[in-house]
Amino acid sequence: MTTSAPASNVRERLETERNAWMCTLRPDGSPHVTPVWFVHLHDTWWICSERPNAKLRNVSADPRVSLHLEDGDHPVVAEGRAIVHRTGYPVDVVSAFRVKYGWDIDTPESVLYEVPVTKWLLSGEAQ
């Protein structure tokens, strides 16, 4: 368990991998896990989705989230607290989503989650 920045091979995967899994907490404390598109900039995960949805309801009640890449042989798992943005998205984040996915996230239907990492649980090596 570490709070330091991930190794270069993990940073490369964060730049190139298409999907991650995001776990939020329902009001009753049970987990809600969904695949998400993301970008990783400034040591922060950025996830965008359309609203309203369960992620937004859950994070609005309890901002704690876990995120992980799909590869179970080389797991990357992080924890953080989501900050919800409904407007005024950072220009470099909007650009990164456009480059990575061809998706313009800056729309009235979108919500952006900023998740600075508070803890890296696994950083690319099974334990």
C-alpha atoms as a PDB file:
ATOM      1  CA  MET A   1       0.000   0.000   0.000  1.00  0.00           C
ATOM      2  CA  THR A   2       1.502   3.327  -1.032  1.00  0.00           C
ATOM      3  CA  THR A   3       0.553   6.935  -1.587  1.00  0.00           C
ATOM      4  CA  SER A   4       3.529   7.705  -3.829  1.00  0.00           C
ATOM      5  CA  ALA A   5       3.237   8.250  -7.582  1.00  0.00           C
ATOM      6  CA  PRO A   6       2.964   5.090  -9.682  1.00  0.00           C
ATOM      7  CA  ALA A   7       5.943   3.584 -11.505  1.00  0.00           C
ATOM      8  CA  SER A   8       6.589   4.573 -15.124  1.00  0.00           C
ATOM      9  CA  ASN A   9       5.077   1.340 -16.494  1.00  0.00           C
ATOM     10  CA  VAL A  10       1.852   2.060 -14.580  1.00  0.00           C
ATOM     11  CA  ARG A  11       1.812   5.686 -15.761  1.00  0.00           C
ATOM     12  CA  GLU A  12       2.100   4.402 -19.345  1.00  0.00           C
ATOM     13  CA  ARG A  13      -0.864   2.072 -18.820  1.00  0.00           C
ATOM     14  CA  LEU A  14      -2.884   4.920 -17.312  1.00  0.00           C
ATOM     15  CA  GLU A  15      -2.263   6.893 -20.508  1.00  0.00           C
ATOM     16  CA  THR A  16      -3.120   4.106 -22.934  1.00  0.00           C
ATOM     17  CA  GLU A  17      -5.661   1.717 -21.413  1.00  0.00           C
ATOM     18  CA  ARG A  18      -9.190   2.330 -22.606  1.00  0.00           C
ATOM     19  CA  ASN A  19     -11.287   1.203 -19.624  1.00  0.00           C
ATOM     20  CA  ALA A  20     -11.160   1.210 -15.866  1.00  0.00           C
ATOM     21  CA  TRP A  21     -13.610   0.025 -13.227  1.00  0.00           C
ATOM     22  CA  MET A  22     -15.011   2.529 -10.745  1.00  0.00           C
ATOM     23  CA  CYS A  23     -16.475   1.445  -7.434  1.00  0.00           C
ATOM     24  CA  THR A  24     -18.757   3.832  -5.557  1.00  0.00           C
ATOM     25  CA  LEU A  25     -20.830   3.228  -2.445  1.00  0.00           C
ATOM     26  CA  ARG A  26     -24.607   3.086  -2.449  1.00  0.00           C
ATOM     27  CA  PRO A  27     -26.435   4.794   0.445  1.00  0.00           C
ATOM     28  CA  ASP A  28     -26.761   1.400   2.193  1.00  0.00           C
ATOM     29  CA  GLY A  29     -22.954   0.927   1.966  1.00  0.00           C
ATOM     30  CA  SER A  30     -23.035  -1.761  -0.717  1.00  0.00           C
ATOM     31  CA  PRO A  31     -20.631  -1.389  -3.657  1.00  0.00           C
ATOM     32  CA  HIS A  32     -21.663  -0.226  -7.109  1.00  0.00           C
ATOM     33  CA  VAL A  33     -19.061  -1.118  -9.756  1.00  0.00           C
ATOM     34  CA  THR A  34     -19.146   0.120 -13.353  1.00  0.00           C
ATOM     35  CA  PRO A  35     -16.733   0.288 -16.282  1.00  0.00           C
ATOM     36  CA  VAL A  36     -15.716   3.848 -17.151  1.00  0.00           C
ATOM     37  CA  TRP A  37     -13.689   5.788 -19.673  1.00  0.00           C
ATOM     38  CA  PHE A  38     -11.005   7.859 -18.001  1.00  0.00           C
ATOM     39  CA  VAL A  39      -7.937   9.998 -18.469  1.00  0.00           C
ATOM     40  CA  HIS A  40      -5.116  10.308 -15.978  1.00  0.00           C
ATOM     41  CA  LEU A  41      -3.550  13.778 -15.748  1.00  0.00           C
ATOM     42  CA  HIS A  42      -1.673  15.581 -12.978  1.00  0.00           C
ATOM     43  CA  ASP A  43      -1.639  12.410 -10.819  1.00  0.00           C
ATOM     44  CA  THR A  44      -5.432  12.484 -10.911  1.00  0.00           C
ATOM     45  CA  TRP A  45      -8.040  10.202 -12.473  1.00  0.00           C
ATOM     46  CA  TRP A  46     -10.739  12.028 -14.465  1.00  0.00           C
ATOM     47  CA  ILE A  47     -13.937  10.120 -15.263  1.00  0.00           C
ATOM     48  CA  CYS A  48     -16.823  11.511 -17.270  1.00  0.00           C
ATOM     49  CA  SER A  49     -20.374  10.226 -17.508  1.00  0.00           C
ATOM     50  CA  GLU A  50     -23.807  11.429 -18.419  1.00  0.00           C
ATOM     51  CA  ARG A  51     -26.121  12.519 -15.665  1.00  0.00           C
ATOM     52  CA  PRO A  52     -28.208  11.534 -13.819  1.00  0.00           C
ATOM     53  CA  ASN A  53     -26.852   8.123 -12.892  1.00  0.00           C
ATOM     54  CA  ALA A  54     -26.036   5.920  -9.916  1.00  0.00           C
ATOM     55  CA  LYS A  55     -22.399   7.062  -9.815  1.00  0.00           C
ATOM     56  CA  LEU A  56     -23.450  10.672  -9.364  1.00  0.00           C
ATOM     57  CA  ARG A  57     -26.025   9.833  -6.683  1.00  0.00           C
ATOM     58  CA  ASN A  58     -23.516   7.663  -4.829  1.00  0.00           C
ATOM     59  CA  VAL A  59     -20.580  10.090  -4.997  1.00  0.00           C
ATOM     60  CA  SER A  60     -22.810  12.987  -3.964  1.00  0.00           C
ATOM     61  CA  ALA A  61     -23.635  11.081  -0.755  1.00  0.00           C
ATOM     62  CA  ASP A  62     -20.174   9.560  -0.156  1.00  0.00           C
ATOM     63  CA  PRO A  63     -17.183  10.677  -2.268  1.00  0.00           C
ATOM     64  CA  ARG A  64     -14.995   7.631  -1.517  1.00  0.00           C
ATOM     65  CA  VAL A  65     -14.198   5.624  -4.652  1.00  0.00           C
ATOM     66  CA  SER A  66     -11.872   2.885  -5.844  1.00  0.00           C
ATOM     67  CA  LEU A  67     -10.582   2.655  -9.400  1.00  0.00           C
ATOM     68  CA  HIS A  68      -8.773  -0.180 -11.121  1.00  0.00           C
ATOM     69  CA  LEU A  69      -7.516  -1.127 -14.536  1.00  0.00           C
ATOM     70  CA  GLU A  70      -8.920  -4.259 -16.163  1.00  0.00           C
ATOM     71  CA  ASP A  71      -5.789  -6.443 -16.191  1.00  0.00           C
ATOM     72  CA  GLY A  72      -6.015  -8.849 -13.246  1.00  0.00           C
ATOM     73  CA  ASP A  73      -2.533 -10.244 -13.918  1.00  0.00           C
ATOM     74  CA  HIS A  74      -0.961  -6.795 -13.445  1.00  0.00           C
ATOM     75  CA  PRO A  75      -3.442  -5.073 -11.139  1.00  0.00           C
ATOM     76  CA  VAL A  76      -3.512  -1.332 -10.662  1.00  0.00           C
ATOM     77  CA  VAL A  77      -5.890  -0.209  -7.922  1.00  0.00           C
ATOM     78  CA  ALA A  78      -6.248   3.268  -6.457  1.00  0.00           C
ATOM     79  CA  GLU A  79      -8.463   4.930  -3.880  1.00  0.00           C
ATOM     80  CA  GLY A  80      -9.527   8.536  -3.660  1.00  0.00           C
ATOM     81  CA  ARG A  81     -12.329  10.971  -3.012  1.00  0.00           C
ATOM     82  CA  ALA A  82     -14.281  12.140  -6.032  1.00  0.00           C
ATOM     83  CA  ILE A  83     -14.902  15.817  -6.638  1.00  0.00           C
ATOM     84  CA  VAL A  84     -17.871  16.410  -8.945  1.00  0.00           C
ATOM     85  CA  HIS A  85     -17.718  19.049 -11.685  1.00  0.00           C
ATOM     86  CA  ARG A  86     -20.870  19.958 -13.566  1.00  0.00           C
ATOM     87  CA  THR A  87     -19.398  22.852 -15.582  1.00  0.00           C
ATOM     88  CA  GLY A  88     -16.081  24.595 -16.138  1.00  0.00           C
ATOM     89  CA  TYR A  89     -14.074  21.514 -17.028  1.00  0.00           C
ATOM     90  CA  PRO A  90     -10.288  21.961 -17.257  1.00  0.00           C
ATOM     91  CA  VAL A  91      -9.303  22.522 -20.893  1.00  0.00           C
ATOM     92  CA  ASP A  92      -6.499  19.931 -20.809  1.00  0.00           C
ATOM     93  CA  VAL A  93      -8.907  17.275 -19.468  1.00  0.00           C
ATOM     94  CA  VAL A  94     -11.478  18.030 -22.178  1.00  0.00           C
ATOM     95  CA  SER A  95      -8.689  17.808 -24.769  1.00  0.00           C
ATOM     96  CA  ALA A  96      -7.385  14.529 -23.340  1.00  0.00           C
ATOM     97  CA  PHE A  97     -10.838  12.900 -23.604  1.00  0.00           C
ATOM     98  CA  ARG A  98     -11.164  14.163 -27.177  1.00  0.00           C
ATOM     99  CA  VAL A  99      -7.751  12.714 -28.127  1.00  0.00           C
ATOM    100  CA  LYS A 100      -8.185   9.390 -26.313  1.00  0.00           C
ATOM    101  CA  TYR A 101     -11.844   8.667 -27.157  1.00  0.00           C
ATOM    102  CA  GLY A 102     -12.960  11.206 -29.786  1.00  0.00           C
ATOM    103  CA  TRP A 103     -15.479  12.388 -27.161  1.00  0.00           C
ATOM    104  CA  ASP A 104     -16.331  16.009 -26.408  1.00  0.00           C
ATOM    105  CA  ILE A 105     -17.219  15.811 -22.721  1.00  0.00           C
ATOM    106  CA  ASP A 106     -18.028  19.506 -22.348  1.00  0.00           C
ATOM    107  CA  THR A 107     -21.805  19.213 -22.722  1.00  0.00           C
ATOM    108  CA  PRO A 108     -24.743  20.029 -20.424  1.00  0.00           C
ATOM    109  CA  GLU A 109     -25.498  16.280 -20.133  1.00  0.00           C
ATOM    110  CA  SER A 110     -22.064  15.407 -18.743  1.00  0.00           C
ATOM    111  CA  VAL A 111     -20.596  15.321 -15.275  1.00  0.00           C
ATOM    112  CA  LEU A 112     -16.862  15.094 -14.610  1.00  0.00           C
ATOM    113  CA  TYR A 113     -15.356  13.311 -11.611  1.00  0.00           C
ATOM    114  CA  GLU A 114     -11.920  14.417 -10.424  1.00  0.00           C
ATOM    115  CA  VAL A 115     -10.298  11.730  -8.278  1.00  0.00           C
ATOM    116  CA  PRO A 116      -6.914  12.615  -6.771  1.00  0.00           C
ATOM    117  CA  VAL A 117      -5.308   9.407  -5.502  1.00  0.00           C
ATOM    118  CA  THR A 118      -5.102   9.130  -1.734  1.00  0.00           C
ATOM    119  CA  LYS A 119      -3.744   5.576  -1.840  1.00  0.00           C
ATOM    120  CA  TRP A 120      -2.354   3.172  -4.449  1.00  0.00           C
ATOM    121  CA  LEU A 121      -3.313  -0.320  -3.260  1.00  0.00           C
ATOM    122  CA  LEU A 122      -1.723  -2.269  -6.098  1.00  0.00           C
ATOM    123  CA  SER A 123       0.680  -0.833  -8.629  1.00  0.00           C
ATOM    124  CA  GLY A 124       1.006  -3.383 -11.401  1.00  0.00           C
ATOM    125  CA  GLU A 125       2.157  -6.465  -9.508  1.00  0.00           C
ATOM    126  CA  ALA A 126      -0.047  -9.208  -8.115  1.00  0.00           C
ATOM    127  CA  GLN A 127       0.434  -9.774  -4.413  1.00  0.00           C
END
